[in-house]
Amino acid sequence: LHRLIRRQRQMCIRDSYKEIIMLYFLFTLLGFVLGSTLFAYWIPKLLKNIDICTLPDDHNPGVSNAFMYGGFLCGILSLICELAKGFIPVYLGQKYLDINSLPFVPVLVAPVFGHAFPFLQKEKGGKAITVSFGVLLGLFPELHPAVYLAFFFIFFSVVVIINPHSFRSILTFGFFAFNVLLTIKTASIQIGCFIIAVIVIYRHLIKHNNGPVRISILHQR
């Protein structure tokens, strides 16, 4: 009888473990599918029949280009959707999963990876800045990573102004990742933010126009 009870307990634990792994997989898949949906590309395409990847020099399906070439409505809808596709899988995921566990790392990374390397439009992968903010906001109430990213974007845009924008983003995500590794004690968030930074930096490097880097202080050269 004792052996039978122990065997039943082991089977229950094994089944429970499989269910947990399946949940991690499903939230990772959800994040990747949402990330691969390039809302900033499709919204101007559907509303105004504009392909924003063909108009700007960087060919980036991003929110800034949606605003610039699609107008305010396309831009604001793209912003909301791009933030949401990072926010939703992470915020819902932490409600059902253990955010402190390493299997949570793919849940964090999937929306950004999907945006950078969309499975149906690989040639139209974006720089993944807005979706990264969405992912970090999805960590609520842990908002330190989101604050770090916002701070360095503002700092390198207003105080120490770095141009071109691609190099500014590379520096921003580099400093962001360094500060997360230095101050956040949760390993899954550390690793997830580091991988996100690597993806975004890589996407900016391959789209960088190799122009001269200009640095100014408070708009004074």
C-alpha atoms as a PDB file:
ATOM      1  CA  LEU A   1       0.000   0.000   0.000  1.00  0.00           C
ATOM      2  CA  HIS A   2       2.841   2.363   0.866  1.00  0.00           C
ATOM      3  CA  ARG A   3       4.510   1.695  -2.493  1.00  0.00           C
ATOM      4  CA  LEU A   4       1.229   2.278  -4.329  1.00  0.00           C
ATOM      5  CA  ILE A   5       0.682   5.641  -2.616  1.00  0.00           C
ATOM      6  CA  ARG A   6       4.249   6.715  -3.347  1.00  0.00           C
ATOM      7  CA  ARG A   7       3.871   5.720  -6.999  1.00  0.00           C
ATOM      8  CA  GLN A   8       0.647   7.695  -7.315  1.00  0.00           C
ATOM      9  CA  ARG A   9       2.339  10.739  -5.790  1.00  0.00           C
ATOM     10  CA  GLN A  10       5.213  10.445  -8.242  1.00  0.00           C
ATOM     11  CA  MET A  11       2.771  10.226 -11.162  1.00  0.00           C
ATOM     12  CA  CYS A  12       0.910  13.312  -9.919  1.00  0.00           C
ATOM     13  CA  ILE A  13       4.165  15.251  -9.584  1.00  0.00           C
ATOM     14  CA  ARG A  14       5.234  14.155 -13.079  1.00  0.00           C
ATOM     15  CA  ASP A  15       1.887  15.189 -14.584  1.00  0.00           C
ATOM     16  CA  SER A  16       1.999  18.527 -12.770  1.00  0.00           C
ATOM     17  CA  TYR A  17       5.540  19.146 -14.029  1.00  0.00           C
ATOM     18  CA  LYS A  18       4.434  18.475 -17.621  1.00  0.00           C
ATOM     19  CA  GLU A  19       1.542  20.912 -17.249  1.00  0.00           C
ATOM     20  CA  ILE A  20       3.859  23.631 -15.937  1.00  0.00           C
ATOM     21  CA  ILE A  21       6.329  23.130 -18.804  1.00  0.00           C
ATOM     22  CA  MET A  22       3.439  23.281 -21.255  1.00  0.00           C
ATOM     23  CA  LEU A  23       2.331  26.618 -19.752  1.00  0.00           C
ATOM     24  CA  TYR A  24       5.805  28.081 -20.192  1.00  0.00           C
ATOM     25  CA  PHE A  25       5.803  26.869 -23.781  1.00  0.00           C
ATOM     26  CA  LEU A  26       2.340  28.301 -24.516  1.00  0.00           C
ATOM     27  CA  PHE A  27       3.177  31.753 -23.151  1.00  0.00           C
ATOM     28  CA  THR A  28       6.469  31.724 -25.063  1.00  0.00           C
ATOM     29  CA  LEU A  29       4.593  30.769 -28.240  1.00  0.00           C
ATOM     30  CA  LEU A  30       1.999  33.477 -27.609  1.00  0.00           C
ATOM     31  CA  GLY A  31       4.754  36.053 -27.217  1.00  0.00           C
ATOM     32  CA  PHE A  32       6.507  34.943 -30.404  1.00  0.00           C
ATOM     33  CA  VAL A  33       3.302  34.968 -32.481  1.00  0.00           C
ATOM     34  CA  LEU A  34       2.303  38.411 -31.188  1.00  0.00           C
ATOM     35  CA  GLY A  35       5.853  39.666 -31.666  1.00  0.00           C
ATOM     36  CA  SER A  36       5.875  38.394 -35.244  1.00  0.00           C
ATOM     37  CA  THR A  37       2.748  40.407 -35.985  1.00  0.00           C
ATOM     38  CA  LEU A  38       4.207  43.696 -37.205  1.00  0.00           C
ATOM     39  CA  PHE A  39       1.381  46.057 -36.274  1.00  0.00           C
ATOM     40  CA  ALA A  40       3.367  49.165 -37.211  1.00  0.00           C
ATOM     41  CA  TYR A  41       3.671  47.703 -40.709  1.00  0.00           C
ATOM     42  CA  TRP A  42       0.149  46.369 -41.125  1.00  0.00           C
ATOM     43  CA  ILE A  43      -1.837  49.289 -39.688  1.00  0.00           C
ATOM     44  CA  PRO A  44      -0.570  51.883 -42.246  1.00  0.00           C
ATOM     45  CA  LYS A  45      -0.821  49.183 -44.914  1.00  0.00           C
ATOM     46  CA  LEU A  46      -4.476  48.441 -44.138  1.00  0.00           C
ATOM     47  CA  LEU A  47      -5.637  51.978 -43.337  1.00  0.00           C
ATOM     48  CA  LYS A  48      -3.739  53.954 -45.980  1.00  0.00           C
ATOM     49  CA  ASN A  49      -2.233  51.351 -48.300  1.00  0.00           C
ATOM     50  CA  ILE A  50       1.260  52.565 -47.370  1.00  0.00           C
ATOM     51  CA  ASP A  51       4.246  50.241 -47.099  1.00  0.00           C
ATOM     52  CA  ILE A  52       6.382  52.013 -44.508  1.00  0.00           C
ATOM     53  CA  CYS A  53       9.269  49.620 -45.152  1.00  0.00           C
ATOM     54  CA  THR A  54       9.807  51.053 -48.639  1.00  0.00           C
ATOM     55  CA  LEU A  55       9.724  54.766 -47.781  1.00  0.00           C
ATOM     56  CA  PRO A  56      12.342  55.484 -45.056  1.00  0.00           C
ATOM     57  CA  ASP A  57      16.067  54.925 -45.450  1.00  0.00           C
ATOM     58  CA  ASP A  58      16.168  52.395 -42.589  1.00  0.00           C
ATOM     59  CA  HIS A  59      13.265  50.324 -44.057  1.00  0.00           C
ATOM     60  CA  ASN A  60      12.116  49.723 -40.481  1.00  0.00           C
ATOM     61  CA  PRO A  61       8.513  48.658 -39.699  1.00  0.00           C
ATOM     62  CA  GLY A  62       8.541  50.722 -36.509  1.00  0.00           C
ATOM     63  CA  VAL A  63       6.242  53.094 -34.675  1.00  0.00           C
ATOM     64  CA  SER A  64       8.226  56.227 -35.561  1.00  0.00           C
ATOM     65  CA  ASN A  65       7.875  55.455 -39.278  1.00  0.00           C
ATOM     66  CA  ALA A  66       4.170  54.703 -38.782  1.00  0.00           C
ATOM     67  CA  PHE A  67       3.755  58.203 -37.318  1.00  0.00           C
ATOM     68  CA  MET A  68       5.939  59.840 -39.965  1.00  0.00           C
ATOM     69  CA  TYR A  69       4.443  58.233 -43.059  1.00  0.00           C
ATOM     70  CA  GLY A  70       1.017  57.069 -41.874  1.00  0.00           C
ATOM     71  CA  GLY A  71      -0.014  60.030 -39.759  1.00  0.00           C
ATOM     72  CA  PHE A  72      -1.185  60.387 -36.176  1.00  0.00           C
ATOM     73  CA  LEU A  73      -3.938  57.756 -36.233  1.00  0.00           C
ATOM     74  CA  CYS A  74      -1.701  55.067 -37.731  1.00  0.00           C
ATOM     75  CA  GLY A  75       1.077  56.054 -35.365  1.00  0.00           C
ATOM     76  CA  ILE A  76      -0.957  55.966 -32.155  1.00  0.00           C
ATOM     77  CA  LEU A  77      -2.656  52.680 -33.077  1.00  0.00           C
ATOM     78  CA  SER A  78       0.735  51.179 -33.914  1.00  0.00           C
ATOM     79  CA  LEU A  79       2.187  52.413 -30.617  1.00  0.00           C
ATOM     80  CA  ILE A  80      -0.626  50.866 -28.581  1.00  0.00           C
ATOM     81  CA  CYS A  81      -0.484  47.546 -30.416  1.00  0.00           C
ATOM     82  CA  GLU A  82       3.309  47.295 -30.366  1.00  0.00           C
ATOM     83  CA  LEU A  83       3.386  47.966 -26.622  1.00  0.00           C
ATOM     84  CA  ALA A  84       0.517  45.564 -26.015  1.00  0.00           C
ATOM     85  CA  LYS A  85       2.098  42.659 -27.885  1.00  0.00           C
ATOM     86  CA  GLY A  86       5.046  42.792 -25.502  1.00  0.00           C
ATOM     87  CA  PHE A  87       3.010  43.564 -22.397  1.00  0.00           C
ATOM     88  CA  ILE A  88       0.236  40.966 -22.666  1.00  0.00           C
ATOM     89  CA  PRO A  89       2.191  37.662 -22.746  1.00  0.00           C
ATOM     90  CA  VAL A  90       4.617  38.771 -20.016  1.00  0.00           C
ATOM     91  CA  TYR A  91       2.010  40.273 -17.695  1.00  0.00           C
ATOM     92  CA  LEU A  92      -0.334  37.304 -18.058  1.00  0.00           C
ATOM     93  CA  GLY A  93       2.587  34.894 -17.870  1.00  0.00           C
ATOM     94  CA  GLN A  94       3.727  36.098 -14.482  1.00  0.00           C
ATOM     95  CA  LYS A  95       0.203  35.536 -13.180  1.00  0.00           C
ATOM     96  CA  TYR A  96       0.431  31.799 -13.909  1.00  0.00           C
ATOM     97  CA  LEU A  97       4.172  31.125 -13.951  1.00  0.00           C
ATOM     98  CA  ASP A  98       7.104  31.614 -11.619  1.00  0.00           C
ATOM     99  CA  ILE A  99       8.881  34.777 -12.728  1.00  0.00           C
ATOM    100  CA  ASN A 100      11.924  33.761 -10.665  1.00  0.00           C
ATOM    101  CA  SER A 101      12.470  30.560 -12.629  1.00  0.00           C
ATOM    102  CA  LEU A 102      14.840  30.351 -15.597  1.00  0.00           C
ATOM    103  CA  PRO A 103      12.121  28.938 -17.923  1.00  0.00           C
ATOM    104  CA  PHE A 104      10.529  32.400 -17.662  1.00  0.00           C
ATOM    105  CA  VAL A 105      13.413  33.825 -19.744  1.00  0.00           C
ATOM    106  CA  PRO A 106      11.928  32.667 -23.112  1.00  0.00           C
ATOM    107  CA  VAL A 107       8.602  34.244 -22.110  1.00  0.00           C
ATOM    108  CA  LEU A 108      10.406  37.580 -21.722  1.00  0.00           C
ATOM    109  CA  VAL A 109      12.437  37.286 -24.898  1.00  0.00           C
ATOM    110  CA  ALA A 110       9.835  35.810 -27.280  1.00  0.00           C
ATOM    111  CA  PRO A 111       7.938  39.021 -28.228  1.00  0.00           C
ATOM    112  CA  VAL A 112      11.185  40.873 -28.970  1.00  0.00           C
ATOM    113  CA  PHE A 113      12.658  37.943 -30.882  1.00  0.00           C
ATOM    114  CA  GLY A 114       9.422  37.571 -32.857  1.00  0.00           C
ATOM    115  CA  HIS A 115       9.446  41.251 -33.821  1.00  0.00           C
ATOM    116  CA  ALA A 116      13.117  41.165 -34.835  1.00  0.00           C
ATOM    117  CA  PHE A 117      12.754  37.869 -36.737  1.00  0.00           C
ATOM    118  CA  PRO A 118       9.064  37.455 -37.688  1.00  0.00           C
ATOM    119  CA  PHE A 119       8.349  33.950 -38.941  1.00  0.00           C
ATOM    120  CA  LEU A 120       6.221  35.087 -41.910  1.00  0.00           C
ATOM    121  CA  GLN A 121       8.128  38.257 -42.811  1.00  0.00           C
ATOM    122  CA  LYS A 122      11.769  37.587 -41.936  1.00  0.00           C
ATOM    123  CA  GLU A 123      12.977  40.250 -44.345  1.00  0.00           C
ATOM    124  CA  LYS A 124      10.833  42.891 -42.568  1.00  0.00           C
ATOM    125  CA  GLY A 125      12.089  42.336 -39.021  1.00  0.00           C
ATOM    126  CA  GLY A 126      12.145  45.517 -36.954  1.00  0.00           C
ATOM    127  CA  LYS A 127      14.452  47.121 -34.419  1.00  0.00           C
ATOM    128  CA  ALA A 128      12.174  46.033 -31.527  1.00  0.00           C
ATOM    129  CA  ILE A 129      12.382  49.157 -29.348  1.00  0.00           C
ATOM    130  CA  THR A 130       8.671  49.632 -28.626  1.00  0.00           C
ATOM    131  CA  VAL A 131       7.963  45.953 -28.028  1.00  0.00           C
ATOM    132  CA  SER A 132      10.903  45.890 -25.604  1.00  0.00           C
ATOM    133  CA  PHE A 133       9.223  48.619 -23.575  1.00  0.00           C
ATOM    134  CA  GLY A 134       6.009  46.575 -23.636  1.00  0.00           C
ATOM    135  CA  VAL A 135       7.817  43.499 -22.308  1.00  0.00           C
ATOM    136  CA  LEU A 136       9.414  45.491 -19.491  1.00  0.00           C
ATOM    137  CA  LEU A 137       6.107  47.112 -18.543  1.00  0.00           C
ATOM    138  CA  GLY A 138       4.647  43.601 -18.402  1.00  0.00           C
ATOM    139  CA  LEU A 139       6.930  42.919 -15.424  1.00  0.00           C
ATOM    140  CA  PHE A 140       4.733  45.231 -13.307  1.00  0.00           C
ATOM    141  CA  PRO A 141       5.076  45.799 -10.364  1.00  0.00           C
ATOM    142  CA  GLU A 142       8.829  45.345 -11.055  1.00  0.00           C
ATOM    143  CA  LEU A 143       9.380  48.433 -13.173  1.00  0.00           C
ATOM    144  CA  HIS A 144      13.070  49.119 -12.580  1.00  0.00           C
ATOM    145  CA  PRO A 145      14.133  47.681 -15.991  1.00  0.00           C
ATOM    146  CA  ALA A 146      11.547  49.827 -17.808  1.00  0.00           C
ATOM    147  CA  VAL A 147      12.686  52.914 -15.881  1.00  0.00           C
ATOM    148  CA  TYR A 148      16.328  52.213 -16.760  1.00  0.00           C
ATOM    149  CA  LEU A 149      15.526  51.922 -20.453  1.00  0.00           C
ATOM    150  CA  ALA A 150      13.406  55.089 -20.457  1.00  0.00           C
ATOM    151  CA  PHE A 151      16.043  57.015 -18.505  1.00  0.00           C
ATOM    152  CA  PHE A 152      18.894  56.220 -20.876  1.00  0.00           C
ATOM    153  CA  PHE A 153      16.765  56.947 -23.942  1.00  0.00           C
ATOM    154  CA  ILE A 154      15.920  60.376 -22.504  1.00  0.00           C
ATOM    155  CA  PHE A 155      19.500  60.973 -21.322  1.00  0.00           C
ATOM    156  CA  PHE A 156      21.041  60.233 -24.721  1.00  0.00           C
ATOM    157  CA  SER A 157      18.308  62.197 -26.507  1.00  0.00           C
ATOM    158  CA  VAL A 158      18.163  65.342 -24.344  1.00  0.00           C
ATOM    159  CA  VAL A 159      21.287  65.679 -22.177  1.00  0.00           C
ATOM    160  CA  VAL A 160      24.158  63.950 -23.968  1.00  0.00           C
ATOM    161  CA  ILE A 161      22.721  63.824 -27.478  1.00  0.00           C
ATOM    162  CA  ILE A 162      23.989  60.942 -29.597  1.00  0.00           C
ATOM    163  CA  ASN A 163      23.394  60.829 -33.336  1.00  0.00           C
ATOM    164  CA  PRO A 164      22.598  58.952 -35.476  1.00  0.00           C
ATOM    165  CA  HIS A 165      19.596  57.397 -33.753  1.00  0.00           C
ATOM    166  CA  SER A 166      20.820  53.844 -34.365  1.00  0.00           C
ATOM    167  CA  PHE A 167      24.007  54.453 -32.374  1.00  0.00           C
ATOM    168  CA  ARG A 168      21.965  56.178 -29.646  1.00  0.00           C
ATOM    169  CA  SER A 169      19.805  53.069 -29.339  1.00  0.00           C
ATOM    170  CA  ILE A 170      22.859  50.803 -29.205  1.00  0.00           C
ATOM    171  CA  LEU A 171      24.307  52.816 -26.308  1.00  0.00           C
ATOM    172  CA  THR A 172      20.927  53.009 -24.589  1.00  0.00           C
ATOM    173  CA  PHE A 173      20.340  49.262 -24.602  1.00  0.00           C
ATOM    174  CA  GLY A 174      23.939  48.607 -23.599  1.00  0.00           C
ATOM    175  CA  PHE A 175      23.677  50.820 -20.511  1.00  0.00           C
ATOM    176  CA  PHE A 176      20.202  49.439 -19.791  1.00  0.00           C
ATOM    177  CA  ALA A 177      21.463  45.831 -19.775  1.00  0.00           C
ATOM    178  CA  PHE A 178      24.465  46.749 -17.622  1.00  0.00           C
ATOM    179  CA  ASN A 179      22.286  48.419 -14.985  1.00  0.00           C
ATOM    180  CA  VAL A 180      19.822  45.531 -14.899  1.00  0.00           C
ATOM    181  CA  LEU A 181      22.682  43.058 -14.393  1.00  0.00           C
ATOM    182  CA  LEU A 182      24.102  45.299 -11.671  1.00  0.00           C
ATOM    183  CA  THR A 183      20.967  46.036  -9.654  1.00  0.00           C
ATOM    184  CA  ILE A 184      18.242  43.443 -10.341  1.00  0.00           C
ATOM    185  CA  LYS A 185      18.650  40.283  -8.274  1.00  0.00           C
ATOM    186  CA  THR A 186      16.234  38.052 -10.194  1.00  0.00           C
ATOM    187  CA  ALA A 187      18.285  35.873 -12.556  1.00  0.00           C
ATOM    188  CA  SER A 188      15.476  35.354 -15.071  1.00  0.00           C
ATOM    189  CA  ILE A 189      15.007  39.122 -15.475  1.00  0.00           C
ATOM    190  CA  GLN A 190      18.769  39.685 -15.706  1.00  0.00           C
ATOM    191  CA  ILE A 191      19.201  37.083 -18.440  1.00  0.00           C
ATOM    192  CA  GLY A 192      16.017  38.062 -20.267  1.00  0.00           C
ATOM    193  CA  CYS A 193      16.952  41.757 -20.361  1.00  0.00           C
ATOM    194  CA  PHE A 194      20.487  40.924 -21.488  1.00  0.00           C
ATOM    195  CA  ILE A 195      19.197  38.807 -24.397  1.00  0.00           C
ATOM    196  CA  ILE A 196      16.668  41.517 -25.327  1.00  0.00           C
ATOM    197  CA  ALA A 197      19.489  44.075 -25.412  1.00  0.00           C
ATOM    198  CA  VAL A 198      21.620  41.789 -27.599  1.00  0.00           C
ATOM    199  CA  ILE A 199      18.743  41.326 -30.075  1.00  0.00           C
ATOM    200  CA  VAL A 200      17.993  45.062 -30.294  1.00  0.00           C
ATOM    201  CA  ILE A 201      21.667  46.015 -30.606  1.00  0.00           C
ATOM    202  CA  TYR A 202      22.124  43.426 -33.368  1.00  0.00           C
ATOM    203  CA  ARG A 203      19.104  44.740 -35.286  1.00  0.00           C
ATOM    204  CA  HIS A 204      20.473  48.286 -35.057  1.00  0.00           C
ATOM    205  CA  LEU A 205      23.964  47.237 -36.109  1.00  0.00           C
ATOM    206  CA  ILE A 206      22.744  45.588 -39.310  1.00  0.00           C
ATOM    207  CA  LYS A 207      20.620  48.640 -40.129  1.00  0.00           C
ATOM    208  CA  HIS A 208      23.284  51.194 -39.145  1.00  0.00           C
ATOM    209  CA  ASN A 209      24.208  53.465 -42.057  1.00  0.00           C
ATOM    210  CA  ASN A 210      27.864  53.772 -40.947  1.00  0.00           C
ATOM    211  CA  GLY A 211      27.575  57.561 -40.850  1.00  0.00           C
ATOM    212  CA  PRO A 212      29.665  59.686 -38.483  1.00  0.00           C
ATOM    213  CA  VAL A 213      28.745  59.642 -34.798  1.00  0.00           C
ATOM    214  CA  ARG A 214      27.924  63.102 -33.439  1.00  0.00           C
ATOM    215  CA  ILE A 215      27.801  63.976 -29.740  1.00  0.00           C
ATOM    216  CA  SER A 216      26.471  67.223 -28.310  1.00  0.00           C
ATOM    217  CA  ILE A 217      25.552  68.461 -24.844  1.00  0.00           C
ATOM    218  CA  LEU A 218      22.094  69.986 -24.407  1.00  0.00           C
ATOM    219  CA  HIS A 219      21.893  70.765 -28.153  1.00  0.00           C
ATOM    220  CA  GLN A 220      25.249  72.581 -28.065  1.00  0.00           C
ATOM    221  CA  ARG A 221      27.954  71.027 -30.184  1.00  0.00           C
END
